[in-house]
Amino acid sequence: MDMGRISTIDYKGNSILIVDWSTLSLEGIVELAEEARGAIHSAPPHSLLILSDFTDTHYDKATADTLADYAVSNKPYVKASALVGMTGMRKILYNVVSRVSGRDFSLHNTREEALEWLVSQ
């Protein structure tokens, strides 16, 4: 599957859903959240390994609210979720989304690190 910013790759025999949030504005985040939700909600419960890249993504309260709602709605479908690019102010975004959604995410510096962590789950 490749819908631009949403793709599925095979990594060491595991299917990984990649959602690329990098450099998006709030409007792009809202659009991608809806698009990704459709892909995620079609999966069996607790089956998905997801890598989300937030490198240089816009951050504000509206972003946090949008992503928290997205994370809550996806919780039943996700086995493990790794995040890349949560530096600086985006770490605050991570903390808000994690707390509000009740979800645990693993933070990584690179996509490669995130992929390695995901396949170990």
PDB file of N, CA and C in Angstrom:
ATOM      1  N   MET A   1       0.846  -1.177   0.000  1.00  0.00           N
ATOM      2  CA  MET A   1       0.000   0.000   0.000  1.00  0.00           C
ATOM      3  C   MET A   1       0.891   1.239   0.000  1.00  0.00           C
ATOM      4  N   ASP A   2       0.591   2.185  -0.879  1.00  0.00           N
ATOM      5  CA  ASP A   2       1.307   3.460  -0.857  1.00  0.00           C
ATOM      6  C   ASP A   2       0.335   4.554  -1.258  1.00  0.00           C
ATOM      7  N   MET A   3      -0.012   5.402  -0.309  1.00  0.00           N
ATOM      8  CA  MET A   3      -0.964   6.480  -0.549  1.00  0.00           C
ATOM      9  C   MET A   3      -0.237   7.808  -0.355  1.00  0.00           C
ATOM     10  N   GLY A   4       1.010   7.891  -0.799  1.00  0.00           N
ATOM     11  CA  GLY A   4       1.780   9.114  -0.599  1.00  0.00           C
ATOM     12  C   GLY A   4       2.506   9.087   0.723  1.00  0.00           C
ATOM     13  N   ARG A   5       1.843   9.525   1.779  1.00  0.00           N
ATOM     14  CA  ARG A   5       2.465   9.572   3.096  1.00  0.00           C
ATOM     15  C   ARG A   5       2.158   8.334   3.931  1.00  0.00           C
ATOM     16  N   ILE A   6       1.405   7.408   3.386  1.00  0.00           N
ATOM     17  CA  ILE A   6       1.097   6.156   4.080  1.00  0.00           C
ATOM     18  C   ILE A   6       1.579   5.019   3.203  1.00  0.00           C
ATOM     19  N   SER A   7       2.420   4.168   3.760  1.00  0.00           N
ATOM     20  CA  SER A   7       2.914   3.034   2.976  1.00  0.00           C
ATOM     21  C   SER A   7       3.131   1.842   3.888  1.00  0.00           C
ATOM     22  N   THR A   8       3.153   0.680   3.296  1.00  0.00           N
ATOM     23  CA  THR A   8       3.448  -0.546   4.023  1.00  0.00           C
ATOM     24  C   THR A   8       4.710  -1.139   3.423  1.00  0.00           C
ATOM     25  N   ILE A   9       5.649  -1.482   4.282  1.00  0.00           N
ATOM     26  CA  ILE A   9       6.880  -2.123   3.826  1.00  0.00           C
ATOM     27  C   ILE A   9       7.036  -3.466   4.525  1.00  0.00           C
ATOM     28  N   ASP A  10       7.820  -4.330   3.906  1.00  0.00           N
ATOM     29  CA  ASP A  10       8.214  -5.572   4.550  1.00  0.00           C
ATOM     30  C   ASP A  10       9.612  -5.346   5.123  1.00  0.00           C
ATOM     31  N   TYR A  11       9.755  -5.541   6.417  1.00  0.00           N
ATOM     32  CA  TYR A  11      11.051  -5.366   7.070  1.00  0.00           C
ATOM     33  C   TYR A  11      11.341  -6.609   7.880  1.00  0.00           C
ATOM     34  N   LYS A  12      12.339  -7.380   7.420  1.00  0.00           N
ATOM     35  CA  LYS A  12      12.736  -8.618   8.093  1.00  0.00           C
ATOM     36  C   LYS A  12      11.543  -9.543   8.314  1.00  0.00           C
ATOM     37  N   GLY A  13      10.711  -9.642   7.274  1.00  0.00           N
ATOM     38  CA  GLY A  13       9.567 -10.552   7.323  1.00  0.00           C
ATOM     39  C   GLY A  13       8.361 -10.016   8.073  1.00  0.00           C
ATOM     40  N   ASN A  14       8.394  -8.766   8.484  1.00  0.00           N
ATOM     41  CA  ASN A  14       7.277  -8.152   9.189  1.00  0.00           C
ATOM     42  C   ASN A  14       6.694  -7.018   8.348  1.00  0.00           C
ATOM     43  N   SER A  15       5.384  -6.923   8.342  1.00  0.00           N
ATOM     44  CA  SER A  15       4.717  -5.834   7.645  1.00  0.00           C
ATOM     45  C   SER A  15       4.680  -4.626   8.581  1.00  0.00           C
ATOM     46  N   ILE A  16       5.236  -3.497   8.118  1.00  0.00           N
ATOM     47  CA  ILE A  16       5.290  -2.273   8.910  1.00  0.00           C
ATOM     48  C   ILE A  16       4.528  -1.180   8.167  1.00  0.00           C
ATOM     49  N   LEU A  17       3.574  -0.567   8.846  1.00  0.00           N
ATOM     50  CA  LEU A  17       2.856   0.569   8.283  1.00  0.00           C
ATOM     51  C   LEU A  17       3.638   1.829   8.629  1.00  0.00           C
ATOM     52  N   ILE A  18       4.001   2.604   7.622  1.00  0.00           N
ATOM     53  CA  ILE A  18       4.735   3.847   7.840  1.00  0.00           C
ATOM     54  C   ILE A  18       3.799   5.014   7.547  1.00  0.00           C
ATOM     55  N   VAL A  19       3.702   5.925   8.518  1.00  0.00           N
ATOM     56  CA  VAL A  19       2.915   7.138   8.348  1.00  0.00           C
ATOM     57  C   VAL A  19       3.896   8.301   8.474  1.00  0.00           C
ATOM     58  N   ASP A  20       4.044   9.043   7.379  1.00  0.00           N
ATOM     59  CA  ASP A  20       5.034  10.116   7.304  1.00  0.00           C
ATOM     60  C   ASP A  20       4.366  11.470   7.549  1.00  0.00           C
ATOM     61  N   TRP A  21       4.465  11.947   8.791  1.00  0.00           N
ATOM     62  CA  TRP A  21       3.900  13.230   9.196  1.00  0.00           C
ATOM     63  C   TRP A  21       4.904  14.367   9.000  1.00  0.00           C
ATOM     64  N   SER A  22       6.104  14.056   8.555  1.00  0.00           N
ATOM     65  CA  SER A  22       7.185  15.041   8.534  1.00  0.00           C
ATOM     66  C   SER A  22       6.816  16.295   7.745  1.00  0.00           C
ATOM     67  N   THR A  23       7.182  17.415   8.302  1.00  0.00           N
ATOM     68  CA  THR A  23       7.027  18.764   7.728  1.00  0.00           C
ATOM     69  C   THR A  23       5.583  19.217   7.504  1.00  0.00           C
ATOM     70  N   LEU A  24       4.609  18.503   8.019  1.00  0.00           N
ATOM     71  CA  LEU A  24       3.217  18.885   7.773  1.00  0.00           C
ATOM     72  C   LEU A  24       2.773  20.055   8.641  1.00  0.00           C
ATOM     73  N   SER A  25       1.873  20.865   8.086  1.00  0.00           N
ATOM     74  CA  SER A  25       1.174  21.915   8.822  1.00  0.00           C
ATOM     75  C   SER A  25      -0.025  21.267   9.519  1.00  0.00           C
ATOM     76  N   LEU A  26      -0.744  22.043  10.317  1.00  0.00           N
ATOM     77  CA  LEU A  26      -1.933  21.519  10.980  1.00  0.00           C
ATOM     78  C   LEU A  26      -2.928  20.963   9.964  1.00  0.00           C
ATOM     79  N   GLU A  27      -3.141  21.670   8.869  1.00  0.00           N
ATOM     80  CA  GLU A  27      -4.100  21.209   7.858  1.00  0.00           C
ATOM     81  C   GLU A  27      -3.683  19.845   7.294  1.00  0.00           C
ATOM     82  N   GLY A  28      -2.396  19.696   7.028  1.00  0.00           N
ATOM     83  CA  GLY A  28      -1.900  18.417   6.529  1.00  0.00           C
ATOM     84  C   GLY A  28      -2.035  17.309   7.554  1.00  0.00           C
ATOM     85  N   ILE A  29      -1.826  17.635   8.812  1.00  0.00           N
ATOM     86  CA  ILE A  29      -1.951  16.650   9.893  1.00  0.00           C
ATOM     87  C   ILE A  29      -3.393  16.163   9.990  1.00  0.00           C
ATOM     88  N   VAL A  30      -4.338  17.085   9.928  1.00  0.00           N
ATOM     89  CA  VAL A  30      -5.756  16.714   9.993  1.00  0.00           C
ATOM     90  C   VAL A  30      -6.114  15.794   8.825  1.00  0.00           C
ATOM     91  N   GLU A  31      -5.668  16.137   7.620  1.00  0.00           N
ATOM     92  CA  GLU A  31      -5.961  15.314   6.436  1.00  0.00           C
ATOM     93  C   GLU A  31      -5.317  13.936   6.543  1.00  0.00           C
ATOM     94  N   LEU A  32      -4.048  13.898   6.955  1.00  0.00           N
ATOM     95  CA  LEU A  32      -3.351  12.609   7.040  1.00  0.00           C
ATOM     96  C   LEU A  32      -3.934  11.738   8.143  1.00  0.00           C
ATOM     97  N   ALA A  33      -4.363  12.338   9.244  1.00  0.00           N
ATOM     98  CA  ALA A  33      -4.978  11.559  10.328  1.00  0.00           C
ATOM     99  C   ALA A  33      -6.212  10.824   9.811  1.00  0.00           C
ATOM    100  N   GLU A  34      -7.036  11.502   9.031  1.00  0.00           N
ATOM    101  CA  GLU A  34      -8.237  10.854   8.483  1.00  0.00           C
ATOM    102  C   GLU A  34      -7.876   9.747   7.496  1.00  0.00           C
ATOM    103  N   GLU A  35      -6.925  10.028   6.634  1.00  0.00           N
ATOM    104  CA  GLU A  35      -6.485   9.041   5.641  1.00  0.00           C
ATOM    105  C   GLU A  35      -5.891   7.806   6.330  1.00  0.00           C
ATOM    106  N   ALA A  36      -5.013   8.036   7.302  1.00  0.00           N
ATOM    107  CA  ALA A  36      -4.359   6.924   8.004  1.00  0.00           C
ATOM    108  C   ALA A  36      -5.358   6.128   8.829  1.00  0.00           C
ATOM    109  N   ARG A  37      -6.292   6.822   9.435  1.00  0.00           N
ATOM    110  CA  ARG A  37      -7.319   6.137  10.250  1.00  0.00           C
ATOM    111  C   ARG A  37      -8.048   5.096   9.406  1.00  0.00           C
ATOM    112  N   GLY A  38      -8.369   5.453   8.163  1.00  0.00           N
ATOM    113  CA  GLY A  38      -9.049   4.502   7.282  1.00  0.00           C
ATOM    114  C   GLY A  38      -8.224   3.246   7.047  1.00  0.00           C
ATOM    115  N   ALA A  39      -6.930   3.418   6.820  1.00  0.00           N
ATOM    116  CA  ALA A  39      -6.046   2.270   6.597  1.00  0.00           C
ATOM    117  C   ALA A  39      -5.910   1.437   7.867  1.00  0.00           C
ATOM    118  N   ILE A  40      -5.784   2.097   8.995  1.00  0.00           N
ATOM    119  CA  ILE A  40      -5.557   1.398  10.263  1.00  0.00           C
ATOM    120  C   ILE A  40      -6.802   0.640  10.716  1.00  0.00           C
ATOM    121  N   HIS A  41      -7.964   1.255  10.578  1.00  0.00           N
ATOM    122  CA  HIS A  41      -9.194   0.637  11.072  1.00  0.00           C
ATOM    123  C   HIS A  41      -9.649  -0.548  10.230  1.00  0.00           C
ATOM    124  N   SER A  42      -9.003  -0.791   9.104  1.00  0.00           N
ATOM    125  CA  SER A  42      -9.345  -1.969   8.295  1.00  0.00           C
ATOM    126  C   SER A  42      -8.512  -3.191   8.706  1.00  0.00           C
ATOM    127  N   ALA A  43      -7.587  -3.020   9.644  1.00  0.00           N
ATOM    128  CA  ALA A  43      -6.706  -4.108  10.084  1.00  0.00           C
ATOM    129  C   ALA A  43      -7.351  -4.902  11.225  1.00  0.00           C
ATOM    130  N   PRO A  44      -6.935  -6.163  11.393  1.00  0.00           N
ATOM    131  CA  PRO A  44      -7.420  -6.934  12.542  1.00  0.00           C
ATOM    132  C   PRO A  44      -6.958  -6.300  13.861  1.00  0.00           C
ATOM    133  N   PRO A  45      -7.686  -6.543  14.952  1.00  0.00           N
ATOM    134  CA  PRO A  45      -7.297  -5.986  16.252  1.00  0.00           C
ATOM    135  C   PRO A  45      -5.873  -6.368  16.661  1.00  0.00           C
ATOM    136  N   HIS A  46      -5.179  -5.429  17.251  1.00  0.00           N
ATOM    137  CA  HIS A  46      -3.829  -5.623  17.813  1.00  0.00           C
ATOM    138  C   HIS A  46      -2.846  -6.262  16.836  1.00  0.00           C
ATOM    139  N   SER A  47      -2.926  -5.872  15.561  1.00  0.00           N
ATOM    140  CA  SER A  47      -2.087  -6.530  14.554  1.00  0.00           C
ATOM    141  C   SER A  47      -1.008  -5.629  13.964  1.00  0.00           C
ATOM    142  N   LEU A  48      -1.174  -4.314  14.050  1.00  0.00           N
ATOM    143  CA  LEU A  48      -0.297  -3.410  13.299  1.00  0.00           C
ATOM    144  C   LEU A  48       0.979  -3.011  14.029  1.00  0.00           C
ATOM    145  N   LEU A  49       2.053  -2.984  13.251  1.00  0.00           N
ATOM    146  CA  LEU A  49       3.304  -2.369  13.676  1.00  0.00           C
ATOM    147  C   LEU A  49       3.384  -1.066  12.887  1.00  0.00           C
ATOM    148  N   ILE A  50       3.456   0.067  13.600  1.00  0.00           N
ATOM    149  CA  ILE A  50       3.395   1.364  12.934  1.00  0.00           C
ATOM    150  C   ILE A  50       4.618   2.205  13.267  1.00  0.00           C
ATOM    151  N   LEU A  51       5.231   2.753  12.220  1.00  0.00           N
ATOM    152  CA  LEU A  51       6.310   3.720  12.373  1.00  0.00           C
ATOM    153  C   LEU A  51       5.749   5.063  11.920  1.00  0.00           C
ATOM    154  N   SER A  52       5.783   6.046  12.823  1.00  0.00           N
ATOM    155  CA  SER A  52       5.316   7.397  12.500  1.00  0.00           C
ATOM    156  C   SER A  52       6.493   8.357  12.566  1.00  0.00           C
ATOM    157  N   ASP A  53       6.702   9.104  11.478  1.00  0.00           N
ATOM    158  CA  ASP A  53       7.821  10.044  11.411  1.00  0.00           C
ATOM    159  C   ASP A  53       7.294  11.472  11.563  1.00  0.00           C
ATOM    160  N   PHE A  54       7.692  12.130  12.668  1.00  0.00           N
ATOM    161  CA  PHE A  54       7.239  13.488  12.975  1.00  0.00           C
ATOM    162  C   PHE A  54       8.341  14.529  12.792  1.00  0.00           C
ATOM    163  N   THR A  55       9.350  14.222  12.000  1.00  0.00           N
ATOM    164  CA  THR A  55      10.462  15.151  11.780  1.00  0.00           C
ATOM    165  C   THR A  55       9.950  16.494  11.239  1.00  0.00           C
ATOM    166  N   ASP A  56      10.246  17.565  11.949  1.00  0.00           N
ATOM    167  CA  ASP A  56       9.883  18.935  11.542  1.00  0.00           C
ATOM    168  C   ASP A  56       8.389  19.148  11.319  1.00  0.00           C
ATOM    169  N   THR A  57       7.568  18.419  12.063  1.00  0.00           N
ATOM    170  CA  THR A  57       6.120  18.577  11.964  1.00  0.00           C
ATOM    171  C   THR A  57       5.673  19.773  12.799  1.00  0.00           C
ATOM    172  N   HIS A  58       4.661  20.474  12.321  1.00  0.00           N
ATOM    173  CA  HIS A  58       4.068  21.605  13.039  1.00  0.00           C
ATOM    174  C   HIS A  58       3.610  21.150  14.420  1.00  0.00           C
ATOM    175  N   TYR A  59       3.759  22.026  15.433  1.00  0.00           N
ATOM    176  CA  TYR A  59       3.324  21.698  16.767  1.00  0.00           C
ATOM    177  C   TYR A  59       2.528  22.842  17.372  1.00  0.00           C
ATOM    178  N   ASP A  60       1.336  22.557  17.855  1.00  0.00           N
ATOM    179  CA  ASP A  60       0.560  23.472  18.684  1.00  0.00           C
ATOM    180  C   ASP A  60      -0.547  22.658  19.358  1.00  0.00           C
ATOM    181  N   LYS A  61      -1.407  23.325  20.132  1.00  0.00           N
ATOM    182  CA  LYS A  61      -2.440  22.603  20.868  1.00  0.00           C
ATOM    183  C   LYS A  61      -3.402  21.876  19.923  1.00  0.00           C
ATOM    184  N   ALA A  62      -3.745  22.499  18.812  1.00  0.00           N
ATOM    185  CA  ALA A  62      -4.658  21.855  17.853  1.00  0.00           C
ATOM    186  C   ALA A  62      -4.030  20.581  17.283  1.00  0.00           C
ATOM    187  N   THR A  63      -2.716  20.619  17.051  1.00  0.00           N
ATOM    188  CA  THR A  63      -2.009  19.419  16.583  1.00  0.00           C
ATOM    189  C   THR A  63      -2.097  18.316  17.630  1.00  0.00           C
ATOM    190  N   ALA A  64      -1.822  18.682  18.880  1.00  0.00           N
ATOM    191  CA  ALA A  64      -1.875  17.703  19.973  1.00  0.00           C
ATOM    192  C   ALA A  64      -3.272  17.099  20.088  1.00  0.00           C
ATOM    193  N   ASP A  65      -4.304  17.943  20.010  1.00  0.00           N
ATOM    194  CA  ASP A  65      -5.682  17.445  20.105  1.00  0.00           C
ATOM    195  C   ASP A  65      -6.006  16.495  18.958  1.00  0.00           C
ATOM    196  N   THR A  66      -5.620  16.865  17.748  1.00  0.00           N
ATOM    197  CA  THR A  66      -5.878  16.024  16.570  1.00  0.00           C
ATOM    198  C   THR A  66      -5.184  14.671  16.710  1.00  0.00           C
ATOM    199  N   LEU A  67      -3.907  14.695  17.103  1.00  0.00           N
ATOM    200  CA  LEU A  67      -3.148  13.445  17.199  1.00  0.00           C
ATOM    201  C   LEU A  67      -3.590  12.594  18.383  1.00  0.00           C
ATOM    202  N   ALA A  68      -4.037  13.216  19.463  1.00  0.00           N
ATOM    203  CA  ALA A  68      -4.539  12.444  20.602  1.00  0.00           C
ATOM    204  C   ALA A  68      -5.814  11.696  20.206  1.00  0.00           C
ATOM    205  N   ASP A  69      -6.717  12.374  19.507  1.00  0.00           N
ATOM    206  CA  ASP A  69      -7.945  11.734  19.039  1.00  0.00           C
ATOM    207  C   ASP A  69      -7.623  10.584  18.080  1.00  0.00           C
ATOM    208  N   TYR A  70      -6.690  10.836  17.188  1.00  0.00           N
ATOM    209  CA  TYR A  70      -6.219   9.813  16.234  1.00  0.00           C
ATOM    210  C   TYR A  70      -5.655   8.596  16.983  1.00  0.00           C
ATOM    211  N   ALA A  71      -4.809   8.835  17.980  1.00  0.00           N
ATOM    212  CA  ALA A  71      -4.171   7.746  18.725  1.00  0.00           C
ATOM    213  C   ALA A  71      -5.200   6.925  19.500  1.00  0.00           C
ATOM    214  N   VAL A  72      -6.176   7.595  20.102  1.00  0.00           N
ATOM    215  CA  VAL A  72      -7.223   6.887  20.841  1.00  0.00           C
ATOM    216  C   VAL A  72      -8.003   5.978  19.899  1.00  0.00           C
ATOM    217  N   SER A  73      -8.392   6.500  18.740  1.00  0.00           N
ATOM    218  CA  SER A  73      -9.213   5.719  17.808  1.00  0.00           C
ATOM    219  C   SER A  73      -8.462   4.521  17.227  1.00  0.00           C
ATOM    220  N   ASN A  74      -7.132   4.619  17.164  1.00  0.00           N
ATOM    221  CA  ASN A  74      -6.329   3.534  16.582  1.00  0.00           C
ATOM    222  C   ASN A  74      -5.913   2.471  17.581  1.00  0.00           C
ATOM    223  N   LYS A  75      -6.035   2.759  18.850  1.00  0.00           N
ATOM    224  CA  LYS A  75      -5.508   1.874  19.898  1.00  0.00           C
ATOM    225  C   LYS A  75      -5.887   0.397  19.719  1.00  0.00           C
ATOM    226  N   PRO A  76      -7.139   0.072  19.383  1.00  0.00           N
ATOM    227  CA  PRO A  76      -7.507  -1.353  19.279  1.00  0.00           C
ATOM    228  C   PRO A  76      -6.795  -2.122  18.163  1.00  0.00           C
ATOM    229  N   TYR A  77      -6.218  -1.413  17.199  1.00  0.00           N
ATOM    230  CA  TYR A  77      -5.644  -2.064  16.021  1.00  0.00           C
ATOM    231  C   TYR A  77      -4.123  -2.204  16.082  1.00  0.00           C
ATOM    232  N   VAL A  78      -3.497  -1.563  17.058  1.00  0.00           N
ATOM    233  CA  VAL A  78      -2.048  -1.430  17.069  1.00  0.00           C
ATOM    234  C   VAL A  78      -1.395  -2.410  18.043  1.00  0.00           C
ATOM    235  N   LYS A  79      -0.433  -3.153  17.516  1.00  0.00           N
ATOM    236  CA  LYS A  79       0.387  -4.039  18.356  1.00  0.00           C
ATOM    237  C   LYS A  79       1.533  -3.236  18.981  1.00  0.00           C
ATOM    238  N   ALA A  80       2.204  -2.416  18.179  1.00  0.00           N
ATOM    239  CA  ALA A  80       3.306  -1.585  18.672  1.00  0.00           C
ATOM    240  C   ALA A  80       3.453  -0.380  17.754  1.00  0.00           C
ATOM    241  N   SER A  81       3.889   0.735  18.359  1.00  0.00           N
ATOM    242  CA  SER A  81       4.029   1.974  17.607  1.00  0.00           C
ATOM    243  C   SER A  81       5.342   2.653  17.980  1.00  0.00           C
ATOM    244  N   ALA A  82       6.134   2.982  16.953  1.00  0.00           N
ATOM    245  CA  ALA A  82       7.421   3.655  17.147  1.00  0.00           C
ATOM    246  C   ALA A  82       7.364   5.023  16.472  1.00  0.00           C
ATOM    247  N   LEU A  83       7.948   6.012  17.146  1.00  0.00           N
ATOM    248  CA  LEU A  83       7.945   7.373  16.631  1.00  0.00           C
ATOM    249  C   LEU A  83       9.362   7.854  16.384  1.00  0.00           C
ATOM    250  N   VAL A  84       9.526   8.597  15.302  1.00  0.00           N
ATOM    251  CA  VAL A  84      10.798   9.218  14.942  1.00  0.00           C
ATOM    252  C   VAL A  84      10.550  10.727  14.848  1.00  0.00           C
ATOM    253  N   GLY A  85      11.547  11.515  15.239  1.00  0.00           N
ATOM    254  CA  GLY A  85      11.476  12.961  15.050  1.00  0.00           C
ATOM    255  C   GLY A  85      10.827  13.719  16.185  1.00  0.00           C
ATOM    256  N   MET A  86      10.666  13.094  17.339  1.00  0.00           N
ATOM    257  CA  MET A  86      10.057  13.777  18.493  1.00  0.00           C
ATOM    258  C   MET A  86      11.138  14.508  19.284  1.00  0.00           C
ATOM    259  N   THR A  87      11.627  15.597  18.717  1.00  0.00           N
ATOM    260  CA  THR A  87      12.666  16.386  19.372  1.00  0.00           C
ATOM    261  C   THR A  87      12.109  17.763  19.733  1.00  0.00           C
ATOM    262  N   GLY A  88      12.777  18.444  20.633  1.00  0.00           N
ATOM    263  CA  GLY A  88      12.380  19.798  20.996  1.00  0.00           C
ATOM    264  C   GLY A  88      10.948  19.869  21.476  1.00  0.00           C
ATOM    265  N   MET A  89      10.197  20.827  20.939  1.00  0.00           N
ATOM    266  CA  MET A  89       8.801  21.031  21.350  1.00  0.00           C
ATOM    267  C   MET A  89       7.917  19.829  21.031  1.00  0.00           C
ATOM    268  N   ARG A  90       8.293  19.053  20.043  1.00  0.00           N
ATOM    269  CA  ARG A  90       7.489  17.881  19.696  1.00  0.00           C
ATOM    270  C   ARG A  90       7.503  16.844  20.821  1.00  0.00           C
ATOM    271  N   LYS A  91       8.499  16.880  21.730  1.00  0.00           N
ATOM    272  CA  LYS A  91       8.472  15.973  22.884  1.00  0.00           C
ATOM    273  C   LYS A  91       7.297  16.309  23.787  1.00  0.00           C
ATOM    274  N   ILE A  92       6.943  17.579  23.861  1.00  0.00           N
ATOM    275  CA  ILE A  92       5.759  17.980  24.627  1.00  0.00           C
ATOM    276  C   ILE A  92       4.516  17.401  23.957  1.00  0.00           C
ATOM    277  N   LEU A  93       4.451  17.489  22.642  1.00  0.00           N
ATOM    278  CA  LEU A  93       3.356  16.896  21.874  1.00  0.00           C
ATOM    279  C   LEU A  93       3.245  15.414  22.188  1.00  0.00           C
ATOM    280  N   TYR A  94       4.376  14.721  22.174  1.00  0.00           N
ATOM    281  CA  TYR A  94       4.393  13.289  22.491  1.00  0.00           C
ATOM    282  C   TYR A  94       3.807  13.043  23.874  1.00  0.00           C
ATOM    283  N   ASN A  95       4.247  13.811  24.863  1.00  0.00           N
ATOM    284  CA  ASN A  95       3.776  13.610  26.235  1.00  0.00           C
ATOM    285  C   ASN A  95       2.272  13.813  26.351  1.00  0.00           C
ATOM    286  N   VAL A  96       1.751  14.849  25.687  1.00  0.00           N
ATOM    287  CA  VAL A  96       0.311  15.117  25.716  1.00  0.00           C
ATOM    288  C   VAL A  96      -0.453  13.974  25.057  1.00  0.00           C
ATOM    289  N   VAL A  97      -0.037  13.592  23.862  1.00  0.00           N
ATOM    290  CA  VAL A  97      -0.739  12.536  23.122  1.00  0.00           C
ATOM    291  C   VAL A  97      -0.680  11.213  23.883  1.00  0.00           C
ATOM    292  N   SER A  98       0.461  10.876  24.433  1.00  0.00           N
ATOM    293  CA  SER A  98       0.612   9.632  25.184  1.00  0.00           C
ATOM    294  C   SER A  98      -0.315   9.622  26.405  1.00  0.00           C
ATOM    295  N   ARG A  99      -0.331  10.722  27.154  1.00  0.00           N
ATOM    296  CA  ARG A  99      -1.151  10.805  28.359  1.00  0.00           C
ATOM    297  C   ARG A  99      -2.638  10.748  28.012  1.00  0.00           C
ATOM    298  N   VAL A 100      -3.069  11.558  27.056  1.00  0.00           N
ATOM    299  CA  VAL A 100      -4.483  11.637  26.711  1.00  0.00           C
ATOM    300  C   VAL A 100      -4.989  10.323  26.105  1.00  0.00           C
ATOM    301  N   SER A 101      -4.180   9.701  25.276  1.00  0.00           N
ATOM    302  CA  SER A 101      -4.620   8.491  24.565  1.00  0.00           C
ATOM    303  C   SER A 101      -4.440   7.217  25.385  1.00  0.00           C
ATOM    304  N   GLY A 102      -3.635   7.279  26.439  1.00  0.00           N
ATOM    305  CA  GLY A 102      -3.341   6.072  27.197  1.00  0.00           C
ATOM    306  C   GLY A 102      -2.478   5.101  26.417  1.00  0.00           C
ATOM    307  N   ARG A 103      -1.778   5.596  25.417  1.00  0.00           N
ATOM    308  CA  ARG A 103      -0.940   4.760  24.555  1.00  0.00           C
ATOM    309  C   ARG A 103       0.523   4.936  24.917  1.00  0.00           C
ATOM    310  N   ASP A 104       1.272   3.859  24.781  1.00  0.00           N
ATOM    311  CA  ASP A 104       2.718   3.924  24.932  1.00  0.00           C
ATOM    312  C   ASP A 104       3.333   3.878  23.541  1.00  0.00           C
ATOM    313  N   PHE A 105       4.264   4.772  23.301  1.00  0.00           N
ATOM    314  CA  PHE A 105       4.974   4.823  22.024  1.00  0.00           C
ATOM    315  C   PHE A 105       6.457   4.722  22.336  1.00  0.00           C
ATOM    316  N   SER A 106       7.200   4.111  21.449  1.00  0.00           N
ATOM    317  CA  SER A 106       8.644   4.018  21.612  1.00  0.00           C
ATOM    318  C   SER A 106       9.289   5.106  20.754  1.00  0.00           C
ATOM    319  N   LEU A 107      10.141   5.934  21.372  1.00  0.00           N
ATOM    320  CA  LEU A 107      10.779   7.043  20.649  1.00  0.00           C
ATOM    321  C   LEU A 107      12.150   6.635  20.126  1.00  0.00           C
ATOM    322  N   HIS A 108      12.438   7.012  18.886  1.00  0.00           N
ATOM    323  CA  HIS A 108      13.708   6.645  18.248  1.00  0.00           C
ATOM    324  C   HIS A 108      14.285   7.825  17.480  1.00  0.00           C
ATOM    325  N   ASN A 109      15.617   7.806  17.307  1.00  0.00           N
ATOM    326  CA  ASN A 109      16.310   8.875  16.585  1.00  0.00           C
ATOM    327  C   ASN A 109      16.265   8.689  15.079  1.00  0.00           C
ATOM    328  N   THR A 110      16.183   7.441  14.609  1.00  0.00           N
ATOM    329  CA  THR A 110      16.185   7.167  13.173  1.00  0.00           C
ATOM    330  C   THR A 110      15.098   6.151  12.826  1.00  0.00           C
ATOM    331  N   ARG A 111      14.734   6.129  11.557  1.00  0.00           N
ATOM    332  CA  ARG A 111      13.764   5.121  11.100  1.00  0.00           C
ATOM    333  C   ARG A 111      14.318   3.710  11.287  1.00  0.00           C
ATOM    334  N   GLU A 112      15.611   3.543  11.028  1.00  0.00           N
ATOM    335  CA  GLU A 112      16.230   2.221  11.174  1.00  0.00           C
ATOM    336  C   GLU A 112      16.088   1.706  12.608  1.00  0.00           C
ATOM    337  N   GLU A 113      16.380   2.567  13.585  1.00  0.00           N
ATOM    338  CA  GLU A 113      16.209   2.181  15.000  1.00  0.00           C
ATOM    339  C   GLU A 113      14.772   1.800  15.279  1.00  0.00           C
ATOM    340  N   ALA A 114      13.849   2.594  14.776  1.00  0.00           N
ATOM    341  CA  ALA A 114      12.427   2.335  15.000  1.00  0.00           C
ATOM    342  C   ALA A 114      12.007   1.007  14.382  1.00  0.00           C
ATOM    343  N   LEU A 115      12.464   0.731  13.170  1.00  0.00           N
ATOM    344  CA  LEU A 115      12.146  -0.539  12.509  1.00  0.00           C
ATOM    345  C   LEU A 115      12.677  -1.723  13.306  1.00  0.00           C
ATOM    346  N   GLU A 116      13.920  -1.606  13.763  1.00  0.00           N
ATOM    347  CA  GLU A 116      14.519  -2.690  14.550  1.00  0.00           C
ATOM    348  C   GLU A 116      13.714  -2.947  15.819  1.00  0.00           C
ATOM    349  N   TRP A 117      13.294  -1.869  16.492  1.00  0.00           N
ATOM    350  CA  TRP A 117      12.496  -2.018  17.710  1.00  0.00           C
ATOM    351  C   TRP A 117      11.161  -2.685  17.378  1.00  0.00           C
ATOM    352  N   LEU A 118      10.501  -2.236  16.314  1.00  0.00           N
ATOM    353  CA  LEU A 118       9.199  -2.791  15.946  1.00  0.00           C
ATOM    354  C   LEU A 118       9.258  -4.285  15.698  1.00  0.00           C
ATOM    355  N   VAL A 119      10.272  -4.744  14.973  1.00  0.00           N
ATOM    356  CA  VAL A 119      10.321  -6.183  14.663  1.00  0.00           C
ATOM    357  C   VAL A 119      10.701  -7.016  15.881  1.00  0.00           C
ATOM    358  N   SER A 120      11.165  -6.371  16.943  1.00  0.00           N
ATOM    359  CA  SER A 120      11.483  -7.114  18.181  1.00  0.00           C
ATOM    360  C   SER A 120      10.248  -7.260  19.088  1.00  0.00           C
ATOM    361  N   GLN A 121       9.141  -6.652  18.692  1.00  0.00           N
ATOM    362  CA  GLN A 121       7.940  -6.699  19.541  1.00  0.00           C
ATOM    363  C   GLN A 121       7.130  -7.963  19.315  1.00  0.00           C
TER     364      GLN A 121
END
